[in-house]
Amino acid sequence: MQRKGESMGRFKVQNQDGKRLLVFGQTKDIIVQIFK
């Protein structure tokens, strides 16, 4: 659901210092958001 610059779902991958997270960084970010 992570489209360029936005998300179609409940959770959005957070950028760090304007940089895009790597693949597994995105996965970890989503997992943390779901758990919280």
All heavy atoms as atom14 arrays in JSON, in Angstrom:
{
  "sequence": "MQRKGESMGRFKVQNQDGKRLLVFGQTKDIIVQIFK",
  "atom14_mask": [
    [1, 1, 1, 1, 1, 1, 1, 1, 0, 0, 0, 0, 0, 0],
    [1, 1, 1, 1, 1, 1, 1, 1, 1, 0, 0, 0, 0, 0],
    [1, 1, 1, 1, 1, 1, 1, 1, 1, 1, 1, 0, 0, 0],
    [1, 1, 1, 1, 1, 1, 1, 1, 1, 0, 0, 0, 0, 0],
    [1, 1, 1, 1, 0, 0, 0, 0, 0, 0, 0, 0, 0, 0],
    [1, 1, 1, 1, 1, 1, 1, 1, 1, 0, 0, 0, 0, 0],
    [1, 1, 1, 1, 1, 1, 0, 0, 0, 0, 0, 0, 0, 0],
    [1, 1, 1, 1, 1, 1, 1, 1, 0, 0, 0, 0, 0, 0],
    [1, 1, 1, 1, 0, 0, 0, 0, 0, 0, 0, 0, 0, 0],
    [1, 1, 1, 1, 1, 1, 1, 1, 1, 1, 1, 0, 0, 0],
    [1, 1, 1, 1, 1, 1, 1, 1, 1, 1, 1, 0, 0, 0],
    [1, 1, 1, 1, 1, 1, 1, 1, 1, 0, 0, 0, 0, 0],
    [1, 1, 1, 1, 1, 1, 1, 0, 0, 0, 0, 0, 0, 0],
    [1, 1, 1, 1, 1, 1, 1, 1, 1, 0, 0, 0, 0, 0],
    [1, 1, 1, 1, 1, 1, 1, 1, 0, 0, 0, 0, 0, 0],
    [1, 1, 1, 1, 1, 1, 1, 1, 1, 0, 0, 0, 0, 0],
    [1, 1, 1, 1, 1, 1, 1, 1, 0, 0, 0, 0, 0, 0],
    [1, 1, 1, 1, 0, 0, 0, 0, 0, 0, 0, 0, 0, 0],
    [1, 1, 1, 1, 1, 1, 1, 1, 1, 0, 0, 0, 0, 0],
    [1, 1, 1, 1, 1, 1, 1, 1, 1, 1, 1, 0, 0, 0],
    [1, 1, 1, 1, 1, 1, 1, 1, 0, 0, 0, 0, 0, 0],
    [1, 1, 1, 1, 1, 1, 1, 1, 0, 0, 0, 0, 0, 0],
    [1, 1, 1, 1, 1, 1, 1, 0, 0, 0, 0, 0, 0, 0],
    [1, 1, 1, 1, 1, 1, 1, 1, 1, 1, 1, 0, 0, 0],
    [1, 1, 1, 1, 0, 0, 0, 0, 0, 0, 0, 0, 0, 0],
    [1, 1, 1, 1, 1, 1, 1, 1, 1, 0, 0, 0, 0, 0],
    [1, 1, 1, 1, 1, 1, 1, 0, 0, 0, 0, 0, 0, 0],
    [1, 1, 1, 1, 1, 1, 1, 1, 1, 0, 0, 0, 0, 0],
    [1, 1, 1, 1, 1, 1, 1, 1, 0, 0, 0, 0, 0, 0],
    [1, 1, 1, 1, 1, 1, 1, 1, 0, 0, 0, 0, 0, 0],
    [1, 1, 1, 1, 1, 1, 1, 1, 0, 0, 0, 0, 0, 0],
    [1, 1, 1, 1, 1, 1, 1, 0, 0, 0, 0, 0, 0, 0],
    [1, 1, 1, 1, 1, 1, 1, 1, 1, 0, 0, 0, 0, 0],
    [1, 1, 1, 1, 1, 1, 1, 1, 0, 0, 0, 0, 0, 0],
    [1, 1, 1, 1, 1, 1, 1, 1, 1, 1, 1, 0, 0, 0],
    [1, 1, 1, 1, 1, 1, 1, 1, 1, 0, 0, 0, 0, 0]
  ],
  "atom14_positions": [
    [[0.81, -1.22, 0.0], [0.0, 0.0, 0.0], [0.84, 1.27, 0.0], [0.3, 2.38, -0.09], [-0.92, 0.03, 1.24], [-1.99, -1.07, 1.26], [-3.13, -0.98, -0.13], [-2.48, -2.3, -1.15], [0.0, 0.0, 0.0], [0.0, 0.0, 0.0], [0.0, 0.0, 0.0], [0.0, 0.0, 0.0], [0.0, 0.0, 0.0], [0.0, 0.0, 0.0]],
    [[2.16, 1.14, 0.11], [3.04, 2.31, 0.17], [3.29, 2.87, -1.23], [4.15, 2.41, -1.95], [4.37, 1.94, 0.84], [4.24, 1.33, 2.21], [3.5, 2.21, 3.19], [3.81, 3.39, 3.33], [2.53, 1.64, 3.88], [0.0, 0.0, 0.0], [0.0, 0.0, 0.0], [0.0, 0.0, 0.0], [0.0, 0.0, 0.0], [0.0, 0.0, 0.0]],
    [[2.48, 3.85, -1.6], [2.69, 4.53, -2.87], [3.74, 5.62, -2.69], [4.14, 5.94, -1.57], [1.37, 5.14, -3.37], [0.3, 4.11, -3.61], [-1.03, 4.75, -3.96], [-0.96, 5.42, -5.26], [-1.31, 6.67, -5.47], [-1.74, 7.43, -4.47], [-1.24, 7.19, -6.68], [0.0, 0.0, 0.0], [0.0, 0.0, 0.0], [0.0, 0.0, 0.0]],
    [[4.18, 6.19, -3.77], [5.23, 7.21, -3.71], [4.73, 8.43, -2.94], [3.82, 9.14, -3.38], [5.63, 7.62, -5.13], [6.9, 8.45, -5.19], [7.36, 8.64, -6.63], [8.67, 9.4, -6.67], [9.15, 9.58, -8.06], [0.0, 0.0, 0.0], [0.0, 0.0, 0.0], [0.0, 0.0, 0.0], [0.0, 0.0, 0.0], [0.0, 0.0, 0.0]],
    [[5.31, 8.66, -1.76], [4.97, 9.83, -0.97], [3.7, 9.7, -0.14], [3.34, 10.61, 0.6], [0.0, 0.0, 0.0], [0.0, 0.0, 0.0], [0.0, 0.0, 0.0], [0.0, 0.0, 0.0], [0.0, 0.0, 0.0], [0.0, 0.0, 0.0], [0.0, 0.0, 0.0], [0.0, 0.0, 0.0], [0.0, 0.0, 0.0], [0.0, 0.0, 0.0]],
    [[2.99, 8.57, -0.24], [1.76, 8.41, 0.53], [1.45, 6.93, 0.71], [2.15, 6.06, 0.2], [0.59, 9.1, -0.18], [0.33, 8.57, -1.59], [-0.79, 9.32, -2.28], [-1.77, 9.66, -1.61], [-0.67, 9.55, -3.49], [0.0, 0.0, 0.0], [0.0, 0.0, 0.0], [0.0, 0.0, 0.0], [0.0, 0.0, 0.0], [0.0, 0.0, 0.0]],
    [[0.38, 6.65, 1.47], [-0.02, 5.26, 1.7], [-1.52, 5.12, 1.52], [-2.29, 6.01, 1.84], [0.37, 4.84, 3.13], [-0.16, 3.56, 3.43], [0.0, 0.0, 0.0], [0.0, 0.0, 0.0], [0.0, 0.0, 0.0], [0.0, 0.0, 0.0], [0.0, 0.0, 0.0], [0.0, 0.0, 0.0], [0.0, 0.0, 0.0], [0.0, 0.0, 0.0]],
    [[-1.93, 3.97, 0.98], [-3.36, 3.69, 0.81], [-3.93, 3.01, 2.05], [-5.14, 2.83, 2.17], [-3.57, 2.77, -0.41], [-3.22, 3.4, -1.74], [-3.31, 2.2, -3.09], [-5.06, 1.74, -3.06], [0.0, 0.0, 0.0], [0.0, 0.0, 0.0], [0.0, 0.0, 0.0], [0.0, 0.0, 0.0], [0.0, 0.0, 0.0], [0.0, 0.0, 0.0]],
    [[-3.07, 2.59, 2.97], [-3.51, 1.86, 4.15], [-3.43, 2.68, 5.42], [-3.28, 3.91, 5.39], [0.0, 0.0, 0.0], [0.0, 0.0, 0.0], [0.0, 0.0, 0.0], [0.0, 0.0, 0.0], [0.0, 0.0, 0.0], [0.0, 0.0, 0.0], [0.0, 0.0, 0.0], [0.0, 0.0, 0.0], [0.0, 0.0, 0.0], [0.0, 0.0, 0.0]],
    [[-3.47, 2.0, 6.56], [-3.46, 2.67, 7.86], [-2.07, 3.18, 8.22], [-1.93, 4.17, 8.94], [-3.9, 1.7, 8.97], [-5.31, 1.18, 8.84], [-5.53, 0.01, 9.81], [-5.41, 0.43, 11.19], [-5.11, -0.39, 12.2], [-4.84, -1.65, 11.95], [-5.06, 0.06, 13.43], [0.0, 0.0, 0.0], [0.0, 0.0, 0.0], [0.0, 0.0, 0.0]],
    [[-1.05, 2.5, 7.76], [0.31, 2.81, 8.19], [1.15, 3.32, 7.03], [0.99, 2.89, 5.89], [0.97, 1.56, 8.79], [0.16, 0.93, 9.89], [-0.37, -0.34, 9.72], [-0.1, 1.6, 11.07], [-1.13, -0.93, 10.72], [-0.85, 1.03, 12.08], [-1.38, -0.25, 11.9], [0.0, 0.0, 0.0], [0.0, 0.0, 0.0], [0.0, 0.0, 0.0]],
    [[2.04, 4.23, 7.36], [2.93, 4.81, 6.35], [4.38, 4.67, 6.8], [4.7, 4.95, 7.95], [2.61, 6.3, 6.13], [3.49, 6.96, 5.08], [3.13, 8.43, 4.9], [4.04, 9.09, 3.86], [3.73, 10.52, 3.69], [0.0, 0.0, 0.0], [0.0, 0.0, 0.0], [0.0, 0.0, 0.0], [0.0, 0.0, 0.0], [0.0, 0.0, 0.0]],
    [[5.22, 4.2, 5.9], [6.65, 4.06, 6.22], [7.24, 5.44, 6.48], [7.06, 6.37, 5.69], [7.4, 3.38, 5.05], [8.91, 3.41, 5.3], [6.92, 1.95, 4.88], [0.0, 0.0, 0.0], [0.0, 0.0, 0.0], [0.0, 0.0, 0.0], [0.0, 0.0, 0.0], [0.0, 0.0, 0.0], [0.0, 0.0, 0.0], [0.0, 0.0, 0.0]],
    [[7.91, 5.57, 7.61], [8.48, 6.86, 8.0], [9.87, 7.02, 7.42], [10.7, 6.11, 7.49], [8.55, 6.96, 9.53], [7.21, 6.74, 10.22], [6.19, 7.79, 9.84], [6.51, 8.97, 9.74], [4.95, 7.37, 9.63], [0.0, 0.0, 0.0], [0.0, 0.0, 0.0], [0.0, 0.0, 0.0], [0.0, 0.0, 0.0], [0.0, 0.0, 0.0]],
    [[10.13, 8.18, 6.85], [11.48, 8.48, 6.35], [12.34, 9.03, 7.47], [11.86, 9.72, 8.37], [11.42, 9.5, 5.21], [10.75, 8.94, 3.98], [10.65, 7.73, 3.82], [10.29, 9.82, 3.11], [0.0, 0.0, 0.0], [0.0, 0.0, 0.0], [0.0, 0.0, 0.0], [0.0, 0.0, 0.0], [0.0, 0.0, 0.0], [0.0, 0.0, 0.0]],
    [[13.61, 8.71, 7.42], [14.54, 9.21, 8.41], [15.46, 10.25, 7.78], [16.21, 9.94, 6.85], [15.38, 8.05, 8.99], [14.53, 7.06, 9.78], [15.37, 5.93, 10.36], [16.51, 5.71, 9.95], [14.81, 5.24, 11.32], [0.0, 0.0, 0.0], [0.0, 0.0, 0.0], [0.0, 0.0, 0.0], [0.0, 0.0, 0.0], [0.0, 0.0, 0.0]],
    [[15.35, 11.49, 8.29], [16.17, 12.59, 7.76], [15.99, 12.77, 6.27], [16.94, 13.06, 5.53], [17.67, 12.35, 8.07], [17.93, 12.24, 9.56], [17.24, 12.96, 10.33], [18.8, 11.44, 9.95], [0.0, 0.0, 0.0], [0.0, 0.0, 0.0], [0.0, 0.0, 0.0], [0.0, 0.0, 0.0], [0.0, 0.0, 0.0], [0.0, 0.0, 0.0]],
    [[14.76, 12.58, 5.83], [14.45, 12.79, 4.43], [14.9, 11.68, 3.52], [14.7, 11.72, 2.31], [0.0, 0.0, 0.0], [0.0, 0.0, 0.0], [0.0, 0.0, 0.0], [0.0, 0.0, 0.0], [0.0, 0.0, 0.0], [0.0, 0.0, 0.0], [0.0, 0.0, 0.0], [0.0, 0.0, 0.0], [0.0, 0.0, 0.0], [0.0, 0.0, 0.0]],
    [[15.52, 10.65, 4.1], [15.99, 9.54, 3.3], [15.01, 8.38, 3.38], [14.4, 8.13, 4.42], [17.37, 9.07, 3.78], [18.46, 10.12, 3.61], [19.79, 9.58, 4.1], [20.89, 10.63, 3.92], [22.21, 10.12, 4.42], [0.0, 0.0, 0.0], [0.0, 0.0, 0.0], [0.0, 0.0, 0.0], [0.0, 0.0, 0.0], [0.0, 0.0, 0.0]],
    [[14.9, 7.67, 2.29], [14.0, 6.55, 2.24], [14.62, 5.34, 2.94], [15.81, 5.05, 2.77], [13.72, 6.19, 0.78], [12.62, 5.16, 0.6], [12.41, 4.93, -0.88], [11.51, 3.84, -1.11], [11.27, 3.32, -2.29], [11.87, 3.82, -3.34], [10.42, 2.32, -2.44], [0.0, 0.0, 0.0], [0.0, 0.0, 0.0], [0.0, 0.0, 0.0]],
    [[13.84, 4.66, 3.74], [14.34, 3.48, 4.43], [14.62, 2.36, 3.45], [13.95, 2.22, 2.43], [13.3, 2.99, 5.45], [13.07, 3.87, 6.69], [11.9, 3.31, 7.49], [14.31, 3.9, 7.55], [0.0, 0.0, 0.0], [0.0, 0.0, 0.0], [0.0, 0.0, 0.0], [0.0, 0.0, 0.0], [0.0, 0.0, 0.0], [0.0, 0.0, 0.0]],
    [[15.62, 1.55, 3.75], [15.89, 0.37, 2.95], [14.75, -0.62, 3.15], [13.94, -0.49, 4.06], [17.22, -0.25, 3.35], [18.47, 0.62, 3.08], [19.72, -0.07, 3.62], [18.62, 0.89, 1.59], [0.0, 0.0, 0.0], [0.0, 0.0, 0.0], [0.0, 0.0, 0.0], [0.0, 0.0, 0.0], [0.0, 0.0, 0.0], [0.0, 0.0, 0.0]],
    [[14.73, -1.67, 2.3], [13.61, -2.62, 2.31], [13.32, -3.18, 3.69], [12.19, -3.13, 4.17], [13.89, -3.78, 1.32], [12.81, -4.85, 1.45], [13.93, -3.25, -0.1], [0.0, 0.0, 0.0], [0.0, 0.0, 0.0], [0.0, 0.0, 0.0], [0.0, 0.0, 0.0], [0.0, 0.0, 0.0], [0.0, 0.0, 0.0], [0.0, 0.0, 0.0]],
    [[14.36, -3.71, 4.36], [14.11, -4.31, 5.66], [13.84, -3.26, 6.72], [13.2, -3.54, 7.74], [15.29, -5.21, 6.06], [15.33, -6.5, 5.28], [16.31, -6.71, 4.32], [14.38, -7.48, 5.48], [16.34, -7.88, 3.59], [14.4, -8.66, 4.76], [15.38, -8.87, 3.8], [0.0, 0.0, 0.0], [0.0, 0.0, 0.0], [0.0, 0.0, 0.0]],
    [[14.33, -2.02, 6.49], [13.98, -0.92, 7.39], [12.51, -0.6, 7.29], [11.84, -0.33, 8.3], [0.0, 0.0, 0.0], [0.0, 0.0, 0.0], [0.0, 0.0, 0.0], [0.0, 0.0, 0.0], [0.0, 0.0, 0.0], [0.0, 0.0, 0.0], [0.0, 0.0, 0.0], [0.0, 0.0, 0.0], [0.0, 0.0, 0.0], [0.0, 0.0, 0.0]],
    [[11.97, -0.62, 6.08], [10.54, -0.39, 5.88], [9.72, -1.48, 6.55], [8.7, -1.22, 7.2], [10.21, -0.36, 4.38], [10.85, 0.8, 3.63], [10.55, 0.73, 2.14], [9.59, 0.12, 1.72], [11.39, 1.37, 1.34], [0.0, 0.0, 0.0], [0.0, 0.0, 0.0], [0.0, 0.0, 0.0], [0.0, 0.0, 0.0], [0.0, 0.0, 0.0]],
    [[10.18, -2.73, 6.4], [9.47, -3.87, 7.01], [9.44, -3.73, 8.52], [8.39, -3.9, 9.15], [10.18, -5.18, 6.62], [10.23, -5.3, 5.2], [9.44, -6.37, 7.21], [0.0, 0.0, 0.0], [0.0, 0.0, 0.0], [0.0, 0.0, 0.0], [0.0, 0.0, 0.0], [0.0, 0.0, 0.0], [0.0, 0.0, 0.0], [0.0, 0.0, 0.0]],
    [[10.59, -3.39, 9.1], [10.66, -3.22, 10.55], [9.74, -2.1, 11.0], [9.04, -2.22, 12.02], [12.1, -2.92, 10.95], [12.28, -2.69, 12.45], [13.72, -2.33, 12.78], [13.88, -2.04, 14.27], [15.29, -1.64, 14.61], [0.0, 0.0, 0.0], [0.0, 0.0, 0.0], [0.0, 0.0, 0.0], [0.0, 0.0, 0.0], [0.0, 0.0, 0.0]],
    [[9.72, -1.0, 10.24], [8.88, 0.14, 10.57], [7.4, -0.24, 10.59], [6.65, 0.12, 11.5], [9.13, 1.27, 9.57], [8.51, 2.58, 10.0], [8.39, 2.8, 11.22], [8.14, 3.38, 9.13], [0.0, 0.0, 0.0], [0.0, 0.0, 0.0], [0.0, 0.0, 0.0], [0.0, 0.0, 0.0], [0.0, 0.0, 0.0], [0.0, 0.0, 0.0]],
    [[6.98, -0.99, 9.58], [5.58, -1.42, 9.5], [5.24, -2.37, 10.64], [4.17, -2.26, 11.26], [5.3, -2.1, 8.14], [5.32, -1.07, 7.01], [3.96, -2.84, 8.16], [4.2, -0.05, 7.07], [0.0, 0.0, 0.0], [0.0, 0.0, 0.0], [0.0, 0.0, 0.0], [0.0, 0.0, 0.0], [0.0, 0.0, 0.0], [0.0, 0.0, 0.0]],
    [[6.14, -3.31, 10.94], [5.91, -4.27, 12.02], [5.73, -3.53, 13.35], [4.82, -3.84, 14.13], [7.08, -5.28, 12.12], [7.06, -6.21, 10.91], [7.0, -6.08, 13.41], [8.25, -7.14, 10.84], [0.0, 0.0, 0.0], [0.0, 0.0, 0.0], [0.0, 0.0, 0.0], [0.0, 0.0, 0.0], [0.0, 0.0, 0.0], [0.0, 0.0, 0.0]],
    [[6.59, -2.54, 13.59], [6.51, -1.77, 14.84], [5.18, -1.02, 14.92], [4.52, -0.99, 15.97], [7.7, -0.78, 14.94], [7.47, 0.21, 16.09], [9.0, -1.54, 15.14], [0.0, 0.0, 0.0], [0.0, 0.0, 0.0], [0.0, 0.0, 0.0], [0.0, 0.0, 0.0], [0.0, 0.0, 0.0], [0.0, 0.0, 0.0], [0.0, 0.0, 0.0]],
    [[4.77, -0.4, 13.82], [3.51, 0.35, 13.81], [2.31, -0.57, 14.04], [1.37, -0.2, 14.76], [3.36, 1.08, 12.47], [4.32, 2.24, 12.28], [4.05, 3.0, 10.99], [2.96, 3.5, 10.77], [5.06, 3.08, 10.13], [0.0, 0.0, 0.0], [0.0, 0.0, 0.0], [0.0, 0.0, 0.0], [0.0, 0.0, 0.0], [0.0, 0.0, 0.0]],
    [[2.32, -1.74, 13.43], [1.22, -2.69, 13.63], [1.15, -3.12, 15.08], [0.07, -3.15, 15.69], [1.4, -3.94, 12.72], [1.24, -3.56, 11.25], [0.38, -5.02, 13.08], [1.58, -4.69, 10.28], [0.0, 0.0, 0.0], [0.0, 0.0, 0.0], [0.0, 0.0, 0.0], [0.0, 0.0, 0.0], [0.0, 0.0, 0.0], [0.0, 0.0, 0.0]],
    [[2.31, -3.43, 15.66], [2.34, -3.89, 17.05], [1.9, -2.79, 18.02], [1.16, -3.06, 18.98], [3.75, -4.36, 17.42], [3.84, -5.03, 18.76], [3.39, -6.33, 18.93], [4.35, -4.35, 19.85], [3.45, -6.95, 20.18], [4.41, -4.95, 21.1], [3.96, -6.26, 21.26], [0.0, 0.0, 0.0], [0.0, 0.0, 0.0], [0.0, 0.0, 0.0]],
    [[2.32, -1.55, 17.77], [1.92, -0.44, 18.64], [0.42, -0.19, 18.56], [-0.22, 0.13, 19.57], [2.68, 0.84, 18.24], [4.12, 0.88, 18.71], [4.77, 2.2, 18.34], [6.2, 2.27, 18.87], [6.86, 3.56, 18.49], [0.0, 0.0, 0.0], [0.0, 0.0, 0.0], [0.0, 0.0, 0.0], [0.0, 0.0, 0.0], [0.0, 0.0, 0.0]]
  ]
}
